[in-house]
């Protein structure tokens, strides 16, 4: 079991929460980005730096995740691909992507993208609040605890 962060757009406070949990539990943390993402030095963290190609980080994460891993990403197309691979995916606002909700989220994202590309001003959720951070922390802790139990039952 590993924890993966699509790190280019992941808020610092989310990365800090995940790093503390990884250190506490001993679960490896892999941060994937197209540049070095600053974080506290820790032997539990592996930085993967991919090239600047479109979707390079997404492709690396998709190609290397395995059952029982947890991925943190804002990228809904990546989340949809991972969910189809039965990977646990959450975003930094405390939403878990599932086969029941990811297609709807992807459709909404695509509609908003089409509207922006057509020149329409579209209001987007951009602020990241303390409430979002708390919701993320609660979901992440619950999912991490569950997956550790699942993995320990296979030993």
N, C-alpha and C. Protein backbone atom coordinates (compact mmCIF):
# COMPACT_ATOMS: atom_id res chain seq x y z
N UNK A 1 0.84 -1.19 0.00
CA UNK A 1 0.00 0.00 0.00
C UNK A 1 0.88 1.24 0.00
N UNK A 2 0.48 2.22 -0.84
CA UNK A 2 1.18 3.50 -0.91
C UNK A 2 0.17 4.64 -0.98
N UNK A 3 0.64 5.83 -0.61
CA UNK A 3 -0.15 7.04 -0.77
C UNK A 3 0.52 7.83 -1.90
N UNK A 4 -0.28 8.27 -2.84
CA UNK A 4 0.20 9.05 -3.98
C UNK A 4 -0.43 10.43 -3.94
N UNK A 5 0.38 11.46 -4.23
CA UNK A 5 -0.15 12.81 -4.36
C UNK A 5 0.19 13.33 -5.75
N UNK A 6 -0.84 13.75 -6.48
CA UNK A 6 -0.66 14.50 -7.73
C UNK A 6 -0.31 15.91 -7.25
N UNK A 7 0.99 16.16 -7.09
CA UNK A 7 1.47 17.24 -6.22
C UNK A 7 1.51 18.64 -6.83
N UNK A 8 1.42 18.77 -8.14
CA UNK A 8 1.53 20.10 -8.74
C UNK A 8 0.53 21.10 -8.18
N UNK A 9 -0.70 20.67 -7.95
CA UNK A 9 -1.73 21.61 -7.51
C UNK A 9 -2.25 21.32 -6.11
N UNK A 10 -1.59 20.45 -5.39
CA UNK A 10 -2.06 20.07 -4.06
C UNK A 10 -1.64 21.12 -3.03
N UNK A 11 -2.59 21.65 -2.26
CA UNK A 11 -2.25 22.67 -1.26
C UNK A 11 -1.22 22.17 -0.24
N UNK A 12 -0.39 23.09 0.21
CA UNK A 12 0.68 22.78 1.17
C UNK A 12 0.12 22.11 2.42
N UNK A 13 -0.96 22.65 2.97
CA UNK A 13 -1.51 22.10 4.21
C UNK A 13 -1.99 20.66 4.03
N UNK A 14 -2.50 20.33 2.86
CA UNK A 14 -2.92 18.95 2.58
C UNK A 14 -1.68 18.06 2.54
N UNK A 15 -0.64 18.51 1.85
CA UNK A 15 0.59 17.72 1.79
C UNK A 15 1.16 17.50 3.18
N UNK A 16 1.09 18.50 4.04
CA UNK A 16 1.59 18.36 5.42
C UNK A 16 0.80 17.32 6.20
N UNK A 17 -0.52 17.34 6.07
CA UNK A 17 -1.36 16.35 6.76
C UNK A 17 -1.00 14.94 6.30
N UNK A 18 -0.86 14.78 5.00
CA UNK A 18 -0.58 13.46 4.44
C UNK A 18 0.81 12.99 4.87
N UNK A 19 1.79 13.89 4.86
CA UNK A 19 3.15 13.51 5.27
C UNK A 19 3.18 13.07 6.74
N UNK A 20 2.50 13.80 7.60
CA UNK A 20 2.45 13.41 9.02
C UNK A 20 1.82 12.04 9.19
N UNK A 21 0.74 11.78 8.44
CA UNK A 21 0.07 10.48 8.53
C UNK A 21 0.96 9.37 8.00
N UNK A 22 1.67 9.64 6.92
CA UNK A 22 2.58 8.63 6.35
C UNK A 22 3.68 8.30 7.35
N UNK A 23 4.23 9.31 7.98
CA UNK A 23 5.28 9.07 8.97
C UNK A 23 4.73 8.30 10.17
N UNK A 24 3.54 8.65 10.62
CA UNK A 24 2.93 7.99 11.78
C UNK A 24 2.63 6.52 11.50
N UNK A 25 2.19 6.22 10.28
CA UNK A 25 1.75 4.86 9.95
C UNK A 25 2.81 4.03 9.24
N UNK A 26 3.83 4.69 8.69
CA UNK A 26 4.85 3.96 7.94
C UNK A 26 4.45 3.64 6.51
N UNK A 27 3.36 4.22 6.04
CA UNK A 27 2.92 3.99 4.67
C UNK A 27 3.71 4.90 3.74
N UNK A 28 4.36 4.36 2.71
CA UNK A 28 5.15 5.19 1.80
C UNK A 28 4.30 6.24 1.11
N UNK A 29 4.87 7.44 0.95
CA UNK A 29 4.22 8.57 0.28
C UNK A 29 5.02 8.90 -0.96
N UNK A 30 4.34 8.98 -2.08
CA UNK A 30 4.98 9.31 -3.35
C UNK A 30 4.34 10.58 -3.89
N UNK A 31 5.16 11.63 -4.07
CA UNK A 31 4.70 12.89 -4.64
C UNK A 31 5.17 12.96 -6.08
N UNK A 32 4.20 13.11 -6.99
CA UNK A 32 4.51 13.15 -8.42
C UNK A 32 4.19 14.54 -8.95
N UNK A 33 5.17 15.13 -9.63
CA UNK A 33 5.00 16.48 -10.19
C UNK A 33 6.03 16.68 -11.30
N UNK A 34 5.89 17.79 -12.01
CA UNK A 34 6.87 18.07 -13.06
C UNK A 34 8.00 18.97 -12.56
N UNK A 35 8.03 19.20 -11.25
CA UNK A 35 9.12 19.93 -10.61
C UNK A 35 9.20 19.49 -9.16
N UNK A 36 10.30 19.78 -8.51
CA UNK A 36 10.46 19.45 -7.09
C UNK A 36 9.43 20.23 -6.28
N UNK A 37 8.67 19.52 -5.48
CA UNK A 37 7.67 20.14 -4.61
C UNK A 37 8.27 20.20 -3.21
N UNK A 38 8.35 21.41 -2.64
CA UNK A 38 8.95 21.51 -1.30
C UNK A 38 8.14 20.78 -0.24
N UNK A 39 8.85 20.11 0.64
CA UNK A 39 8.22 19.44 1.78
C UNK A 39 9.30 19.14 2.80
N UNK A 40 8.86 18.83 4.00
CA UNK A 40 9.78 18.43 5.07
C UNK A 40 10.53 17.18 4.62
N UNK A 41 11.83 17.15 4.88
CA UNK A 41 12.60 15.96 4.53
C UNK A 41 12.13 14.78 5.37
N UNK A 42 11.93 13.67 4.70
CA UNK A 42 11.46 12.46 5.37
C UNK A 42 11.84 11.26 4.52
N UNK A 43 12.30 10.23 5.19
CA UNK A 43 12.66 9.01 4.48
C UNK A 43 11.43 8.29 3.91
N UNK A 44 10.25 8.63 4.38
CA UNK A 44 9.02 7.97 3.94
C UNK A 44 8.53 8.52 2.59
N UNK A 45 9.09 9.68 2.18
CA UNK A 45 8.63 10.35 0.96
C UNK A 45 9.56 10.07 -0.21
N UNK A 46 8.95 9.74 -1.34
CA UNK A 46 9.70 9.60 -2.58
C UNK A 46 9.15 10.64 -3.54
N UNK A 47 10.05 11.46 -4.10
CA UNK A 47 9.65 12.45 -5.10
C UNK A 47 9.87 11.87 -6.48
N UNK A 48 8.84 11.92 -7.30
CA UNK A 48 8.95 11.53 -8.70
C UNK A 48 8.76 12.80 -9.52
N UNK A 49 9.78 13.15 -10.28
CA UNK A 49 9.69 14.33 -11.13
C UNK A 49 9.60 13.85 -12.57
N UNK A 50 8.48 14.19 -13.19
CA UNK A 50 8.22 13.80 -14.58
C UNK A 50 8.50 14.98 -15.49
N UNK A 51 8.52 14.74 -16.79
CA UNK A 51 8.77 15.85 -17.71
C UNK A 51 7.53 16.74 -17.83
N UNK A 52 7.63 17.80 -18.61
CA UNK A 52 6.54 18.78 -18.73
C UNK A 52 5.45 18.36 -19.71
N UNK A 53 5.54 17.18 -20.25
CA UNK A 53 4.52 16.74 -21.22
C UNK A 53 3.14 16.75 -20.58
N UNK A 54 2.15 17.04 -21.39
CA UNK A 54 0.77 17.06 -20.92
C UNK A 54 0.42 15.70 -20.31
N UNK A 55 -0.10 15.71 -19.12
CA UNK A 55 -0.54 14.50 -18.40
C UNK A 55 0.58 13.54 -18.00
N UNK A 56 1.83 13.99 -18.00
CA UNK A 56 2.94 13.09 -17.64
C UNK A 56 2.79 12.59 -16.20
N UNK A 57 2.45 13.48 -15.28
CA UNK A 57 2.27 13.07 -13.88
C UNK A 57 1.08 12.12 -13.75
N UNK A 58 -0.01 12.45 -14.43
CA UNK A 58 -1.21 11.60 -14.39
C UNK A 58 -0.90 10.21 -14.92
N UNK A 59 -0.20 10.16 -16.05
CA UNK A 59 0.14 8.87 -16.65
C UNK A 59 1.03 8.05 -15.73
N UNK A 60 2.00 8.71 -15.08
CA UNK A 60 2.89 7.98 -14.17
C UNK A 60 2.09 7.40 -13.00
N UNK A 61 1.23 8.21 -12.43
CA UNK A 61 0.41 7.73 -11.31
C UNK A 61 -0.47 6.57 -11.76
N UNK A 62 -1.16 6.73 -12.88
CA UNK A 62 -2.04 5.67 -13.36
C UNK A 62 -1.27 4.37 -13.62
N UNK A 63 -0.11 4.49 -14.23
CA UNK A 63 0.66 3.29 -14.59
C UNK A 63 1.27 2.58 -13.39
N UNK A 64 1.43 3.27 -12.25
CA UNK A 64 2.16 2.70 -11.13
C UNK A 64 1.34 2.43 -9.88
N UNK A 65 0.08 2.83 -9.86
CA UNK A 65 -0.75 2.55 -8.68
C UNK A 65 -1.23 1.11 -8.70
N UNK A 66 -1.47 0.62 -7.49
CA UNK A 66 -1.94 -0.75 -7.32
C UNK A 66 -3.11 -0.78 -6.35
N UNK A 67 -3.79 -1.90 -6.33
CA UNK A 67 -4.92 -2.09 -5.42
C UNK A 67 -4.49 -1.71 -4.00
N UNK A 68 -5.37 -1.06 -3.27
CA UNK A 68 -5.20 -0.60 -1.88
C UNK A 68 -4.41 0.70 -1.76
N UNK A 69 -3.87 1.23 -2.85
CA UNK A 69 -3.22 2.55 -2.80
C UNK A 69 -4.29 3.63 -2.64
N UNK A 70 -3.84 4.79 -2.17
CA UNK A 70 -4.70 5.97 -2.05
C UNK A 70 -4.05 7.06 -2.89
N UNK A 71 -4.86 7.70 -3.75
CA UNK A 71 -4.36 8.80 -4.57
C UNK A 71 -5.12 10.07 -4.21
N UNK A 72 -4.37 11.17 -4.06
CA UNK A 72 -4.96 12.47 -3.80
C UNK A 72 -4.72 13.32 -5.04
N UNK A 73 -5.81 13.76 -5.68
CA UNK A 73 -5.71 14.55 -6.89
C UNK A 73 -6.93 15.45 -7.05
N UNK A 74 -6.73 16.58 -7.72
CA UNK A 74 -7.83 17.45 -8.13
C UNK A 74 -8.27 17.11 -9.55
N UNK A 75 -7.48 16.32 -10.24
CA UNK A 75 -7.67 16.04 -11.66
C UNK A 75 -8.78 15.00 -11.85
N UNK A 76 -9.93 15.46 -12.32
CA UNK A 76 -11.09 14.57 -12.43
C UNK A 76 -10.90 13.51 -13.53
N UNK A 77 -10.33 13.85 -14.70
CA UNK A 77 -10.09 12.77 -15.67
C UNK A 77 -9.16 11.68 -15.12
N UNK A 78 -8.13 12.07 -14.37
CA UNK A 78 -7.26 11.08 -13.74
C UNK A 78 -8.05 10.27 -12.72
N UNK A 79 -8.85 10.94 -11.91
CA UNK A 79 -9.67 10.25 -10.90
C UNK A 79 -10.57 9.21 -11.56
N UNK A 80 -11.17 9.57 -12.68
CA UNK A 80 -12.07 8.65 -13.38
C UNK A 80 -11.31 7.40 -13.85
N UNK A 81 -10.12 7.60 -14.40
CA UNK A 81 -9.30 6.46 -14.85
C UNK A 81 -8.90 5.57 -13.67
N UNK A 82 -8.52 6.21 -12.55
CA UNK A 82 -8.10 5.44 -11.38
C UNK A 82 -9.26 4.66 -10.76
N UNK A 83 -10.42 5.29 -10.69
CA UNK A 83 -11.60 4.61 -10.14
C UNK A 83 -11.92 3.38 -10.99
N UNK A 84 -11.76 3.50 -12.31
CA UNK A 84 -12.03 2.34 -13.17
C UNK A 84 -11.02 1.22 -12.92
N UNK A 85 -9.89 1.55 -12.31
CA UNK A 85 -8.86 0.58 -11.96
C UNK A 85 -9.01 0.12 -10.49
N UNK A 86 -10.10 0.55 -9.84
CA UNK A 86 -10.40 0.21 -8.44
C UNK A 86 -9.38 0.76 -7.45
N UNK A 87 -8.89 1.97 -7.73
CA UNK A 87 -7.97 2.66 -6.83
C UNK A 87 -8.78 3.64 -5.98
N UNK A 88 -8.39 3.83 -4.72
CA UNK A 88 -9.02 4.79 -3.82
C UNK A 88 -8.55 6.19 -4.20
N UNK A 89 -9.49 7.07 -4.54
CA UNK A 89 -9.13 8.42 -4.99
C UNK A 89 -9.94 9.44 -4.20
N UNK A 90 -9.23 10.45 -3.67
CA UNK A 90 -9.89 11.56 -2.99
C UNK A 90 -9.29 12.86 -3.50
N UNK A 91 -10.07 13.94 -3.37
CA UNK A 91 -9.51 15.24 -3.72
C UNK A 91 -9.14 15.99 -2.44
N UNK A 92 -8.53 17.13 -2.61
CA UNK A 92 -8.02 17.89 -1.47
C UNK A 92 -9.11 18.62 -0.69
N UNK A 93 -10.35 18.50 -1.12
CA UNK A 93 -11.47 19.13 -0.41
C UNK A 93 -12.31 18.10 0.35
N UNK A 94 -11.84 16.85 0.36
CA UNK A 94 -12.52 15.84 1.16
C UNK A 94 -13.65 15.13 0.45
N UNK A 95 -13.53 14.97 -0.86
CA UNK A 95 -14.50 14.19 -1.62
C UNK A 95 -13.82 12.92 -2.11
N UNK A 96 -14.45 11.78 -1.89
CA UNK A 96 -13.93 10.54 -2.44
C UNK A 96 -14.62 10.29 -3.76
N UNK A 97 -13.82 9.99 -4.78
CA UNK A 97 -14.37 9.67 -6.09
C UNK A 97 -14.71 8.18 -6.11
N UNK A 98 -15.89 7.89 -6.61
CA UNK A 98 -16.37 6.51 -6.68
C UNK A 98 -16.95 6.27 -8.07
N UNK A 99 -17.24 5.02 -8.36
CA UNK A 99 -17.87 4.72 -9.65
C UNK A 99 -19.24 5.38 -9.75
N UNK A 100 -19.84 5.68 -8.61
CA UNK A 100 -21.16 6.32 -8.61
C UNK A 100 -21.10 7.82 -8.89
N UNK A 101 -20.02 8.51 -8.51
CA UNK A 101 -20.02 9.97 -8.66
C UNK A 101 -19.00 10.53 -9.65
N UNK A 102 -18.01 9.75 -10.06
CA UNK A 102 -16.93 10.34 -10.85
C UNK A 102 -17.36 10.71 -12.27
N UNK A 103 -18.25 9.94 -12.87
CA UNK A 103 -18.69 10.27 -14.23
C UNK A 103 -19.50 11.57 -14.24
N UNK A 104 -20.32 11.77 -13.21
CA UNK A 104 -21.08 13.02 -13.11
C UNK A 104 -20.11 14.20 -12.93
N UNK A 105 -19.12 14.05 -12.08
CA UNK A 105 -18.13 15.10 -11.86
C UNK A 105 -17.37 15.41 -13.15
N UNK A 106 -17.04 14.37 -13.90
CA UNK A 106 -16.33 14.54 -15.16
C UNK A 106 -17.21 15.27 -16.17
N UNK A 107 -18.49 14.94 -16.22
CA UNK A 107 -19.42 15.63 -17.13
C UNK A 107 -19.53 17.10 -16.79
N UNK A 108 -19.67 17.42 -15.51
CA UNK A 108 -19.75 18.82 -15.08
C UNK A 108 -18.47 19.55 -15.44
N UNK A 109 -17.33 18.93 -15.19
CA UNK A 109 -16.04 19.54 -15.52
C UNK A 109 -15.96 19.81 -17.02
N UNK A 110 -16.39 18.86 -17.85
CA UNK A 110 -16.32 19.03 -19.30
C UNK A 110 -17.25 20.14 -19.79
N UNK A 111 -18.43 20.24 -19.20
CA UNK A 111 -19.36 21.31 -19.56
C UNK A 111 -18.75 22.67 -19.21
N UNK A 112 -18.18 22.78 -18.01
CA UNK A 112 -17.55 24.04 -17.59
C UNK A 112 -16.38 24.40 -18.51
N UNK A 113 -15.60 23.42 -18.90
CA UNK A 113 -14.47 23.65 -19.80
C UNK A 113 -14.97 24.14 -21.16
N UNK A 114 -16.01 23.53 -21.68
CA UNK A 114 -16.57 23.95 -22.96
C UNK A 114 -17.09 25.38 -22.88
N UNK A 115 -17.73 25.71 -21.78
CA UNK A 115 -18.25 27.07 -21.60
C UNK A 115 -17.11 28.08 -21.56
N UNK A 116 -16.04 27.77 -20.82
CA UNK A 116 -14.88 28.68 -20.75
C UNK A 116 -14.23 28.83 -22.12
N UNK A 117 -14.09 27.72 -22.83
CA UNK A 117 -13.48 27.77 -24.17
C UNK A 117 -14.34 28.57 -25.15
N UNK A 118 -15.64 28.66 -24.89
CA UNK A 118 -16.55 29.43 -25.73
C UNK A 118 -16.55 30.91 -25.37
N UNK A 119 -15.78 31.26 -24.36
CA UNK A 119 -15.67 32.66 -23.96
C UNK A 119 -16.62 33.08 -22.87
N UNK A 120 -17.40 32.16 -22.35
CA UNK A 120 -18.32 32.49 -21.26
C UNK A 120 -17.56 32.54 -19.94
N UNK A 121 -17.91 33.51 -19.12
CA UNK A 121 -17.32 33.57 -17.78
C UNK A 121 -18.04 32.57 -16.90
N UNK A 122 -17.26 31.71 -16.31
CA UNK A 122 -17.83 30.66 -15.47
C UNK A 122 -17.20 30.79 -14.09
N UNK A 123 -18.06 30.89 -13.10
CA UNK A 123 -17.58 30.98 -11.73
C UNK A 123 -17.09 29.61 -11.28
N UNK A 124 -15.88 29.59 -10.73
CA UNK A 124 -15.33 28.32 -10.25
C UNK A 124 -15.04 28.42 -8.77
N UNK A 125 -15.12 27.28 -8.11
CA UNK A 125 -14.78 27.19 -6.69
C UNK A 125 -13.25 27.27 -6.59
N UNK A 126 -12.73 28.39 -6.08
CA UNK A 126 -11.28 28.53 -6.04
C UNK A 126 -10.72 28.65 -4.63
N UNK A 127 -11.49 29.18 -3.71
CA UNK A 127 -10.95 29.34 -2.36
C UNK A 127 -10.88 27.99 -1.66
N UNK A 128 -9.86 27.86 -0.85
CA UNK A 128 -9.65 26.63 -0.09
C UNK A 128 -9.75 27.01 1.37
N UNK A 129 -10.81 26.57 2.02
CA UNK A 129 -11.09 27.02 3.38
C UNK A 129 -10.61 26.02 4.43
N UNK A 130 -10.63 26.47 5.67
CA UNK A 130 -10.31 25.60 6.80
C UNK A 130 -11.31 24.44 6.87
N UNK A 131 -12.56 24.72 6.50
CA UNK A 131 -13.58 23.68 6.48
C UNK A 131 -13.22 22.60 5.45
N UNK A 132 -12.73 23.02 4.27
CA UNK A 132 -12.29 22.05 3.25
C UNK A 132 -11.15 21.20 3.79
N UNK A 133 -10.21 21.85 4.45
CA UNK A 133 -9.05 21.13 4.99
C UNK A 133 -9.48 20.11 6.04
N UNK A 134 -10.41 20.49 6.91
CA UNK A 134 -10.90 19.58 7.94
C UNK A 134 -11.65 18.40 7.32
N UNK A 135 -12.45 18.70 6.31
CA UNK A 135 -13.18 17.63 5.62
C UNK A 135 -12.19 16.66 4.97
N UNK A 136 -11.14 17.19 4.34
CA UNK A 136 -10.11 16.33 3.75
C UNK A 136 -9.45 15.48 4.83
N UNK A 137 -9.02 16.12 5.91
CA UNK A 137 -8.31 15.41 6.98
C UNK A 137 -9.15 14.26 7.53
N UNK A 138 -10.43 14.50 7.75
CA UNK A 138 -11.31 13.47 8.29
C UNK A 138 -11.46 12.29 7.32
N UNK A 139 -11.71 12.62 6.04
CA UNK A 139 -11.87 11.55 5.05
C UNK A 139 -10.56 10.78 4.86
N UNK A 140 -9.45 11.50 4.75
CA UNK A 140 -8.16 10.85 4.54
C UNK A 140 -7.83 9.92 5.71
N UNK A 141 -8.01 10.40 6.94
CA UNK A 141 -7.71 9.58 8.11
C UNK A 141 -8.57 8.32 8.13
N UNK A 142 -9.84 8.47 7.83
CA UNK A 142 -10.76 7.34 7.82
C UNK A 142 -10.37 6.33 6.74
N UNK A 143 -10.07 6.82 5.54
CA UNK A 143 -9.70 5.93 4.44
C UNK A 143 -8.35 5.25 4.70
N UNK A 144 -7.39 5.99 5.23
CA UNK A 144 -6.08 5.42 5.54
C UNK A 144 -6.21 4.32 6.58
N UNK A 145 -6.96 4.58 7.63
CA UNK A 145 -7.18 3.59 8.69
C UNK A 145 -7.82 2.33 8.11
N UNK A 146 -8.84 2.51 7.29
CA UNK A 146 -9.53 1.38 6.66
C UNK A 146 -8.58 0.57 5.80
N UNK A 147 -7.77 1.24 4.98
CA UNK A 147 -6.89 0.52 4.05
C UNK A 147 -5.75 -0.18 4.80
N UNK A 148 -5.28 0.40 5.88
CA UNK A 148 -4.25 -0.27 6.69
C UNK A 148 -4.82 -1.57 7.25
N UNK A 149 -6.06 -1.52 7.75
CA UNK A 149 -6.71 -2.74 8.28
C UNK A 149 -6.88 -3.78 7.18
N UNK A 150 -7.32 -3.35 5.99
CA UNK A 150 -7.49 -4.27 4.86
C UNK A 150 -6.16 -4.94 4.54
N UNK A 151 -5.09 -4.14 4.44
CA UNK A 151 -3.77 -4.70 4.09
C UNK A 151 -3.26 -5.62 5.19
N UNK A 152 -3.48 -5.29 6.44
CA UNK A 152 -3.03 -6.14 7.54
C UNK A 152 -3.76 -7.47 7.59
N UNK A 153 -5.00 -7.48 7.11
CA UNK A 153 -5.76 -8.73 7.08
C UNK A 153 -5.25 -9.70 6.02
N UNK A 154 -4.51 -9.18 5.02
CA UNK A 154 -3.95 -10.04 3.97
C UNK A 154 -2.62 -10.65 4.37
N UNK A 155 -2.04 -10.17 5.47
CA UNK A 155 -0.71 -10.66 5.88
C UNK A 155 -0.81 -11.98 6.59
